[in-house]
Amino acid sequence: MIRFFLRALVLLALTGLNACALASPEPDDGLASALEGFHESIEDRLTNCFDAQTLPDMNQCRNEGERRAETYMREAEASLKTNFKVGEPKLLPLFERAQRAWLEQAKAECEYETYYSLGTEAYDAEMSLCRERQYLSRLAY
């Protein structure tokens, strides 16, 4: 039941609704519209990264995508924490623990996915791409 409720709150927060005021007639959709544009720009960025002519271009493109995804992840996390503090304070430590566990899992997943590129010139770009995908997956969750 808590997992369902947590998912519902995450969904509400990511769509811009205030989880503390579900009946609010004026939902704040700033985060939702920002995420919508972000997902579109990531698709474009991935295409542009595959078209990069040099390894430095690829690394720069991948790093920009990763930084952007991380920024949106932090914004969503801050929004959720604020909502939990006000509306469901007992969920806040659970969310924080879940987020720490997710970060460890994402790190392990990327280390696994990029294992064969470790020590190569492509490693940084592949690691950035993996982290970007992990952030996007978490935001979509």
N, C-alpha and C. Protein backbone atom coordinates (compact mmCIF):
# COMPACT_ATOMS: atom_id res chain seq x y z
N MET A 1 0.82 -1.19 0.00
CA MET A 1 0.00 0.00 0.00
C MET A 1 0.87 1.25 0.00
N ILE A 2 1.93 1.24 0.80
CA ILE A 2 2.81 2.40 0.85
C ILE A 2 3.48 2.59 -0.50
N ARG A 3 3.89 1.48 -1.13
CA ARG A 3 4.55 1.57 -2.43
C ARG A 3 3.61 2.21 -3.46
N PHE A 4 2.34 1.81 -3.46
CA PHE A 4 1.37 2.40 -4.37
C PHE A 4 1.23 3.89 -4.09
N PHE A 5 1.12 4.24 -2.82
CA PHE A 5 0.96 5.64 -2.45
C PHE A 5 2.18 6.44 -2.85
N LEU A 6 3.37 5.87 -2.64
CA LEU A 6 4.60 6.55 -3.01
C LEU A 6 4.66 6.77 -4.51
N ARG A 7 4.29 5.76 -5.28
CA ARG A 7 4.26 5.92 -6.74
C ARG A 7 3.28 7.00 -7.16
N ALA A 8 2.12 7.02 -6.52
CA ALA A 8 1.12 8.04 -6.84
C ALA A 8 1.66 9.42 -6.53
N LEU A 9 2.35 9.58 -5.42
CA LEU A 9 2.92 10.88 -5.07
C LEU A 9 4.02 11.28 -6.04
N VAL A 10 4.84 10.32 -6.42
CA VAL A 10 5.89 10.62 -7.39
C VAL A 10 5.26 11.07 -8.70
N LEU A 11 4.26 10.35 -9.14
CA LEU A 11 3.58 10.71 -10.38
C LEU A 11 2.97 12.09 -10.27
N LEU A 12 2.33 12.37 -9.15
CA LEU A 12 1.73 13.69 -8.96
C LEU A 12 2.79 14.78 -8.98
N ALA A 13 3.89 14.54 -8.30
CA ALA A 13 4.94 15.54 -8.26
C ALA A 13 5.55 15.77 -9.63
N LEU A 14 5.75 14.71 -10.38
CA LEU A 14 6.37 14.85 -11.69
C LEU A 14 5.42 15.45 -12.72
N THR A 15 4.13 15.36 -12.49
CA THR A 15 3.19 15.98 -13.41
C THR A 15 2.85 17.39 -12.98
N GLY A 16 3.46 17.85 -11.91
CA GLY A 16 3.30 19.23 -11.51
C GLY A 16 2.21 19.46 -10.50
N LEU A 17 1.53 18.45 -10.05
CA LEU A 17 0.49 18.65 -9.05
C LEU A 17 1.11 18.67 -7.67
N ASN A 18 0.56 19.48 -6.80
CA ASN A 18 1.04 19.55 -5.44
C ASN A 18 0.43 18.37 -4.69
N ALA A 19 1.25 17.48 -4.20
CA ALA A 19 0.74 16.28 -3.52
C ALA A 19 0.05 16.64 -2.21
N CYS A 20 0.29 17.83 -1.70
CA CYS A 20 -0.35 18.24 -0.45
C CYS A 20 -1.71 18.87 -0.69
N ALA A 21 -1.97 19.24 -1.89
CA ALA A 21 -3.23 19.90 -2.20
C ALA A 21 -3.83 19.25 -3.44
N LEU A 22 -4.23 18.02 -3.32
CA LEU A 22 -4.71 17.26 -4.48
C LEU A 22 -5.94 17.89 -5.10
N ALA A 23 -6.73 18.59 -4.32
CA ALA A 23 -7.95 19.19 -4.84
C ALA A 23 -7.71 20.62 -5.31
N SER A 24 -6.48 21.04 -5.37
CA SER A 24 -6.17 22.41 -5.77
C SER A 24 -6.66 22.68 -7.19
N PRO A 25 -7.43 23.75 -7.39
CA PRO A 25 -7.92 24.04 -8.73
C PRO A 25 -6.84 24.59 -9.65
N GLU A 26 -5.72 25.03 -9.08
CA GLU A 26 -4.65 25.62 -9.88
C GLU A 26 -3.35 24.82 -9.72
N PRO A 27 -3.23 23.66 -10.39
CA PRO A 27 -2.01 22.89 -10.24
C PRO A 27 -0.81 23.61 -10.85
N ASP A 28 0.32 23.48 -10.21
CA ASP A 28 1.56 24.06 -10.71
C ASP A 28 2.17 23.07 -11.70
N ASP A 29 2.15 23.43 -12.98
CA ASP A 29 2.66 22.49 -13.98
C ASP A 29 4.03 22.91 -14.51
N GLY A 30 4.76 23.71 -13.76
CA GLY A 30 6.07 24.14 -14.19
C GLY A 30 7.03 22.98 -14.38
N LEU A 31 7.09 22.07 -13.41
CA LEU A 31 7.99 20.93 -13.50
C LEU A 31 7.57 20.02 -14.65
N ALA A 32 6.27 19.80 -14.79
CA ALA A 32 5.79 18.92 -15.86
C ALA A 32 6.16 19.47 -17.23
N SER A 33 5.96 20.77 -17.44
CA SER A 33 6.30 21.34 -18.74
C SER A 33 7.81 21.35 -18.96
N ALA A 34 8.56 21.56 -17.89
CA ALA A 34 10.01 21.50 -18.02
C ALA A 34 10.47 20.10 -18.40
N LEU A 35 9.88 19.10 -17.76
CA LEU A 35 10.25 17.72 -18.08
C LEU A 35 9.84 17.35 -19.50
N GLU A 36 8.71 17.84 -19.94
CA GLU A 36 8.26 17.55 -21.30
C GLU A 36 9.28 18.06 -22.31
N GLY A 37 9.70 19.30 -22.15
CA GLY A 37 10.71 19.86 -23.04
C GLY A 37 12.04 19.15 -22.90
N PHE A 38 12.35 18.73 -21.69
CA PHE A 38 13.60 18.03 -21.44
C PHE A 38 13.65 16.71 -22.19
N HIS A 39 12.56 15.94 -22.14
CA HIS A 39 12.54 14.66 -22.84
C HIS A 39 12.70 14.86 -24.34
N GLU A 40 12.07 15.89 -24.88
CA GLU A 40 12.22 16.16 -26.31
C GLU A 40 13.67 16.53 -26.63
N SER A 41 14.28 17.37 -25.80
CA SER A 41 15.64 17.79 -26.09
C SER A 41 16.63 16.63 -25.93
N ILE A 42 16.34 15.71 -25.03
CA ILE A 42 17.22 14.55 -24.87
C ILE A 42 17.18 13.69 -26.12
N GLU A 43 16.01 13.46 -26.67
CA GLU A 43 15.93 12.69 -27.90
C GLU A 43 16.74 13.36 -29.00
N ASP A 44 16.62 14.68 -29.11
CA ASP A 44 17.41 15.41 -30.09
C ASP A 44 18.90 15.31 -29.77
N ARG A 45 19.24 15.42 -28.50
CA ARG A 45 20.64 15.38 -28.09
C ARG A 45 21.25 14.00 -28.39
N LEU A 46 20.50 12.96 -28.14
CA LEU A 46 21.04 11.63 -28.43
C LEU A 46 21.34 11.49 -29.92
N THR A 47 20.45 11.98 -30.74
CA THR A 47 20.68 11.94 -32.18
C THR A 47 21.92 12.75 -32.53
N ASN A 48 22.04 13.94 -31.97
CA ASN A 48 23.20 14.77 -32.24
C ASN A 48 24.48 14.12 -31.74
N CYS A 49 24.40 13.43 -30.62
CA CYS A 49 25.60 12.77 -30.11
C CYS A 49 26.06 11.66 -31.04
N PHE A 50 25.13 10.93 -31.60
CA PHE A 50 25.52 9.87 -32.52
C PHE A 50 26.12 10.45 -33.80
N ASP A 51 25.79 11.68 -34.11
CA ASP A 51 26.34 12.34 -35.28
C ASP A 51 27.63 13.08 -34.99
N ALA A 52 28.10 13.06 -33.76
CA ALA A 52 29.34 13.76 -33.41
C ALA A 52 30.49 13.21 -34.25
N GLN A 53 31.33 14.12 -34.73
CA GLN A 53 32.41 13.72 -35.64
C GLN A 53 33.67 13.29 -34.92
N THR A 54 33.87 13.77 -33.69
CA THR A 54 35.09 13.44 -32.96
C THR A 54 34.73 12.94 -31.56
N LEU A 55 35.67 12.27 -30.94
CA LEU A 55 35.45 11.78 -29.58
C LEU A 55 35.24 12.94 -28.59
N PRO A 56 36.00 14.03 -28.68
CA PRO A 56 35.71 15.16 -27.78
C PRO A 56 34.30 15.72 -27.97
N ASP A 57 33.82 15.76 -29.21
CA ASP A 57 32.45 16.21 -29.46
C ASP A 57 31.45 15.26 -28.82
N MET A 58 31.70 13.97 -28.93
CA MET A 58 30.82 12.97 -28.33
C MET A 58 30.82 13.11 -26.81
N ASN A 59 32.00 13.25 -26.22
CA ASN A 59 32.08 13.40 -24.77
C ASN A 59 31.37 14.66 -24.29
N GLN A 60 31.55 15.76 -25.00
CA GLN A 60 30.89 17.00 -24.61
C GLN A 60 29.37 16.86 -24.70
N CYS A 61 28.90 16.27 -25.76
CA CYS A 61 27.47 16.07 -25.95
C CYS A 61 26.90 15.18 -24.85
N ARG A 62 27.57 14.08 -24.57
CA ARG A 62 27.11 13.15 -23.54
C ARG A 62 27.11 13.81 -22.17
N ASN A 63 28.16 14.58 -21.88
CA ASN A 63 28.24 15.26 -20.59
C ASN A 63 27.12 16.27 -20.42
N GLU A 64 26.79 16.98 -21.48
CA GLU A 64 25.68 17.95 -21.41
C GLU A 64 24.36 17.23 -21.13
N GLY A 65 24.14 16.13 -21.81
CA GLY A 65 22.92 15.36 -21.59
C GLY A 65 22.83 14.83 -20.17
N GLU A 66 23.94 14.33 -19.67
CA GLU A 66 23.96 13.80 -18.30
C GLU A 66 23.71 14.92 -17.30
N ARG A 67 24.36 16.07 -17.48
CA ARG A 67 24.16 17.20 -16.55
C ARG A 67 22.71 17.67 -16.56
N ARG A 68 22.12 17.73 -17.72
CA ARG A 68 20.73 18.17 -17.82
C ARG A 68 19.81 17.17 -17.10
N ALA A 69 20.03 15.88 -17.34
CA ALA A 69 19.20 14.86 -16.69
C ALA A 69 19.38 14.91 -15.18
N GLU A 70 20.60 15.10 -14.71
CA GLU A 70 20.86 15.19 -13.27
C GLU A 70 20.18 16.41 -12.66
N THR A 71 20.19 17.52 -13.38
CA THR A 71 19.52 18.73 -12.89
C THR A 71 18.03 18.49 -12.72
N TYR A 72 17.40 17.89 -13.70
CA TYR A 72 15.97 17.63 -13.59
C TYR A 72 15.67 16.60 -12.49
N MET A 73 16.58 15.66 -12.31
CA MET A 73 16.40 14.69 -11.23
C MET A 73 16.43 15.40 -9.89
N ARG A 74 17.38 16.29 -9.71
CA ARG A 74 17.48 17.03 -8.45
C ARG A 74 16.26 17.91 -8.21
N GLU A 75 15.75 18.54 -9.27
CA GLU A 75 14.55 19.37 -9.13
C GLU A 75 13.35 18.53 -8.72
N ALA A 76 13.19 17.37 -9.35
CA ALA A 76 12.07 16.49 -9.01
C ALA A 76 12.21 15.99 -7.58
N GLU A 77 13.42 15.63 -7.19
CA GLU A 77 13.67 15.14 -5.84
C GLU A 77 13.36 16.22 -4.81
N ALA A 78 13.78 17.45 -5.08
CA ALA A 78 13.51 18.56 -4.15
C ALA A 78 12.01 18.81 -4.03
N SER A 79 11.31 18.73 -5.15
CA SER A 79 9.86 18.92 -5.14
C SER A 79 9.17 17.84 -4.30
N LEU A 80 9.59 16.61 -4.47
CA LEU A 80 9.01 15.51 -3.70
C LEU A 80 9.29 15.68 -2.20
N LYS A 81 10.50 16.04 -1.88
CA LYS A 81 10.85 16.22 -0.47
C LYS A 81 10.01 17.31 0.17
N THR A 82 9.82 18.40 -0.55
CA THR A 82 8.98 19.49 -0.04
C THR A 82 7.56 19.00 0.19
N ASN A 83 7.03 18.29 -0.78
CA ASN A 83 5.66 17.77 -0.65
C ASN A 83 5.54 16.79 0.50
N PHE A 84 6.53 15.94 0.66
CA PHE A 84 6.49 14.97 1.76
C PHE A 84 6.58 15.66 3.12
N LYS A 85 7.44 16.67 3.23
CA LYS A 85 7.59 17.39 4.50
C LYS A 85 6.27 17.99 4.95
N VAL A 86 5.53 18.52 3.99
CA VAL A 86 4.26 19.19 4.32
C VAL A 86 3.11 18.20 4.46
N GLY A 87 2.99 17.28 3.51
CA GLY A 87 1.81 16.43 3.46
C GLY A 87 1.94 15.05 4.06
N GLU A 88 3.12 14.46 3.97
CA GLU A 88 3.34 13.09 4.45
C GLU A 88 4.74 12.99 5.06
N PRO A 89 4.96 13.61 6.20
CA PRO A 89 6.31 13.64 6.76
C PRO A 89 6.90 12.26 7.06
N LYS A 90 6.07 11.27 7.31
CA LYS A 90 6.59 9.93 7.59
C LYS A 90 7.13 9.26 6.33
N LEU A 91 6.71 9.74 5.16
CA LEU A 91 7.22 9.18 3.91
C LEU A 91 8.60 9.73 3.54
N LEU A 92 8.95 10.88 4.07
CA LEU A 92 10.21 11.51 3.69
C LEU A 92 11.42 10.61 3.94
N PRO A 93 11.59 10.04 5.13
CA PRO A 93 12.77 9.17 5.31
C PRO A 93 12.73 7.92 4.43
N LEU A 94 11.53 7.43 4.15
CA LEU A 94 11.42 6.27 3.26
C LEU A 94 11.84 6.64 1.85
N PHE A 95 11.39 7.79 1.40
CA PHE A 95 11.78 8.26 0.06
C PHE A 95 13.28 8.48 -0.01
N GLU A 96 13.85 9.11 1.00
CA GLU A 96 15.29 9.36 1.01
C GLU A 96 16.08 8.05 0.97
N ARG A 97 15.62 7.07 1.73
CA ARG A 97 16.29 5.76 1.72
C ARG A 97 16.15 5.10 0.35
N ALA A 98 14.97 5.18 -0.24
CA ALA A 98 14.74 4.61 -1.57
C ALA A 98 15.62 5.31 -2.61
N GLN A 99 15.75 6.61 -2.49
CA GLN A 99 16.56 7.36 -3.45
C GLN A 99 18.04 6.98 -3.32
N ARG A 100 18.53 6.83 -2.09
CA ARG A 100 19.93 6.41 -1.90
C ARG A 100 20.15 5.01 -2.49
N ALA A 101 19.20 4.12 -2.27
CA ALA A 101 19.31 2.77 -2.82
C ALA A 101 19.28 2.80 -4.34
N TRP A 102 18.42 3.64 -4.90
CA TRP A 102 18.36 3.76 -6.35
C TRP A 102 19.67 4.27 -6.91
N LEU A 103 20.27 5.27 -6.26
CA LEU A 103 21.54 5.81 -6.74
C LEU A 103 22.63 4.73 -6.75
N GLU A 104 22.66 3.89 -5.73
CA GLU A 104 23.63 2.79 -5.69
C GLU A 104 23.35 1.78 -6.81
N GLN A 105 22.09 1.47 -7.02
CA GLN A 105 21.72 0.53 -8.08
C GLN A 105 22.09 1.10 -9.45
N ALA A 106 21.80 2.39 -9.66
CA ALA A 106 22.12 3.03 -10.95
C ALA A 106 23.63 3.03 -11.19
N LYS A 107 24.40 3.30 -10.16
CA LYS A 107 25.86 3.28 -10.28
C LYS A 107 26.34 1.88 -10.66
N ALA A 108 25.82 0.89 -9.96
CA ALA A 108 26.21 -0.50 -10.26
C ALA A 108 25.81 -0.90 -11.68
N GLU A 109 24.63 -0.49 -12.09
CA GLU A 109 24.16 -0.81 -13.44
C GLU A 109 25.08 -0.20 -14.49
N CYS A 110 25.47 1.03 -14.30
CA CYS A 110 26.34 1.68 -15.28
C CYS A 110 27.74 1.08 -15.28
N GLU A 111 28.24 0.72 -14.11
CA GLU A 111 29.54 0.05 -14.06
C GLU A 111 29.48 -1.28 -14.83
N TYR A 112 28.36 -1.98 -14.68
CA TYR A 112 28.17 -3.24 -15.39
C TYR A 112 28.08 -3.01 -16.91
N GLU A 113 27.25 -2.04 -17.30
CA GLU A 113 27.04 -1.80 -18.73
C GLU A 113 28.30 -1.32 -19.45
N THR A 114 29.15 -0.61 -18.75
CA THR A 114 30.33 -0.03 -19.40
C THR A 114 31.61 -0.82 -19.14
N TYR A 115 31.48 -1.99 -18.58
CA TYR A 115 32.65 -2.78 -18.19
C TYR A 115 33.63 -2.98 -19.34
N TYR A 116 33.14 -3.33 -20.50
CA TYR A 116 34.03 -3.65 -21.62
C TYR A 116 34.65 -2.41 -22.26
N SER A 117 34.17 -1.23 -21.91
CA SER A 117 34.79 -0.02 -22.44
C SER A 117 35.74 0.62 -21.43
N LEU A 118 35.83 0.05 -20.23
CA LEU A 118 36.72 0.57 -19.19
C LEU A 118 38.15 0.63 -19.73
N GLY A 119 38.76 1.78 -19.60
CA GLY A 119 40.13 1.95 -20.08
C GLY A 119 40.23 2.36 -21.54
N THR A 120 39.09 2.49 -22.21
CA THR A 120 39.11 2.93 -23.61
C THR A 120 38.72 4.39 -23.70
N GLU A 121 38.91 4.96 -24.88
CA GLU A 121 38.54 6.36 -25.09
C GLU A 121 37.04 6.57 -25.03
N ALA A 122 36.28 5.54 -25.30
CA ALA A 122 34.82 5.65 -25.33
C ALA A 122 34.17 5.55 -23.95
N TYR A 123 34.95 5.21 -22.94
CA TYR A 123 34.38 4.96 -21.61
C TYR A 123 33.59 6.13 -21.06
N ASP A 124 34.16 7.33 -21.10
CA ASP A 124 33.47 8.50 -20.53
C ASP A 124 32.12 8.76 -21.20
N ALA A 125 32.11 8.67 -22.52
CA ALA A 125 30.86 8.90 -23.25
C ALA A 125 29.83 7.82 -22.92
N GLU A 126 30.26 6.59 -22.85
CA GLU A 126 29.34 5.50 -22.53
C GLU A 126 28.82 5.60 -21.10
N MET A 127 29.67 5.99 -20.17
CA MET A 127 29.24 6.14 -18.79
C MET A 127 28.24 7.30 -18.67
N SER A 128 28.50 8.41 -19.35
CA SER A 128 27.57 9.53 -19.32
C SER A 128 26.22 9.15 -19.91
N LEU A 129 26.25 8.41 -21.01
CA LEU A 129 25.01 7.96 -21.63
C LEU A 129 24.23 7.06 -20.68
N CYS A 130 24.92 6.16 -20.02
CA CYS A 130 24.26 5.26 -19.08
C CYS A 130 23.63 6.04 -17.94
N ARG A 131 24.36 6.97 -17.35
CA ARG A 131 23.82 7.75 -16.23
C ARG A 131 22.63 8.60 -16.69
N GLU A 132 22.73 9.15 -17.89
CA GLU A 132 21.61 9.93 -18.43
C GLU A 132 20.37 9.05 -18.55
N ARG A 133 20.53 7.87 -19.08
CA ARG A 133 19.40 6.94 -19.21
C ARG A 133 18.84 6.53 -17.85
N GLN A 134 19.72 6.34 -16.88
CA GLN A 134 19.26 5.99 -15.54
C GLN A 134 18.42 7.12 -14.95
N TYR A 135 18.88 8.34 -15.09
CA TYR A 135 18.10 9.47 -14.57
C TYR A 135 16.75 9.57 -15.26
N LEU A 136 16.75 9.43 -16.58
CA LEU A 136 15.49 9.51 -17.32
C LEU A 136 14.53 8.39 -16.91
N SER A 137 15.07 7.20 -16.68
CA SER A 137 14.23 6.09 -16.24
C SER A 137 13.63 6.39 -14.88
N ARG A 138 14.42 6.95 -13.99
CA ARG A 138 13.92 7.27 -12.66
C ARG A 138 12.86 8.36 -12.73
N LEU A 139 13.08 9.34 -13.59
CA LEU A 139 12.08 10.40 -13.75
C LEU A 139 10.78 9.87 -14.33
N ALA A 140 10.90 8.90 -15.24
CA ALA A 140 9.70 8.32 -15.85
C ALA A 140 8.95 7.43 -14.87
N TYR A 141 9.63 6.92 -13.87
CA TYR A 141 9.03 6.04 -12.87
C TYR A 141 8.02 6.81 -12.07
